[in-house]
Protein backbone atom coordinates (compact mmCIF):
# COMPACT_ATOMS: atom_id res chain seq x y z
CA MET A 1 94.49 87.82 149.26
CA THR A 2 93.73 91.33 148.01
CA ARG A 3 94.59 91.99 144.39
CA THR A 4 95.80 95.54 143.96
CA ALA A 5 97.97 95.42 140.82
CA THR A 6 96.57 95.85 137.33
CA VAL A 7 97.87 94.13 134.21
CA LYS A 8 96.90 95.45 130.78
CA PHE A 9 97.70 93.99 127.39
CA ARG A 10 96.60 94.48 123.83
CA ALA A 11 94.69 91.81 121.95
CA THR A 12 92.75 91.54 118.72
CA GLU A 13 88.95 91.34 118.81
CA GLN A 14 89.28 87.68 117.82
CA GLU A 15 91.69 86.98 120.69
CA VAL A 16 89.38 88.66 123.18
CA ALA A 17 86.43 86.65 121.84
CA LYS A 18 88.42 83.42 122.23
CA ILE A 19 89.45 84.32 125.80
CA GLU A 20 85.81 85.08 126.65
CA GLU A 21 84.66 81.80 125.06
CA LEU A 22 87.24 79.69 126.89
CA ALA A 23 86.68 81.46 130.21
CA LYS A 24 82.92 80.98 130.00
CA ALA A 25 83.29 77.30 129.05
CA ALA A 26 85.52 76.77 132.09
CA GLY A 27 83.24 78.72 134.43
CA TYR A 28 85.64 81.60 135.10
CA SER A 29 85.63 85.34 134.55
CA LYS A 30 88.04 86.64 131.91
CA SER A 31 90.36 87.94 134.64
CA GLU A 32 90.37 84.71 136.60
CA TYR A 33 90.91 82.64 133.44
CA VAL A 34 93.85 84.75 132.24
CA ARG A 35 95.41 84.73 135.74
CA LEU A 36 95.19 80.95 136.01
CA VAL A 37 96.57 80.34 132.52
CA ALA A 38 99.40 82.82 133.13
CA MET A 39 100.31 80.91 136.29
CA GLY A 40 100.64 77.70 134.27
CA PHE A 41 97.37 75.97 135.09
CA GLN A 42 95.78 73.90 132.34
CA ILE A 43 92.11 74.86 132.33
CA GLN A 44 89.50 72.44 131.05
CA PRO A 45 85.90 73.24 130.10
CA GLN A 46 83.33 72.36 132.75
CA ASP A 47 81.46 69.13 132.35
CA THR A 48 77.99 70.16 131.16
CA LYS A 49 76.21 66.89 131.99
């Protein structure tokens, strides 16, 4: 699937930092993380064992 549409939204610096933190913990890019959460998926941090 080719993604051609762009979605932009405003966020505070703290919100962006939290998105980055959660995305990294789950092993996703910011874009992938936001897409998955927007689609209703419940994302869990990766097991770091």
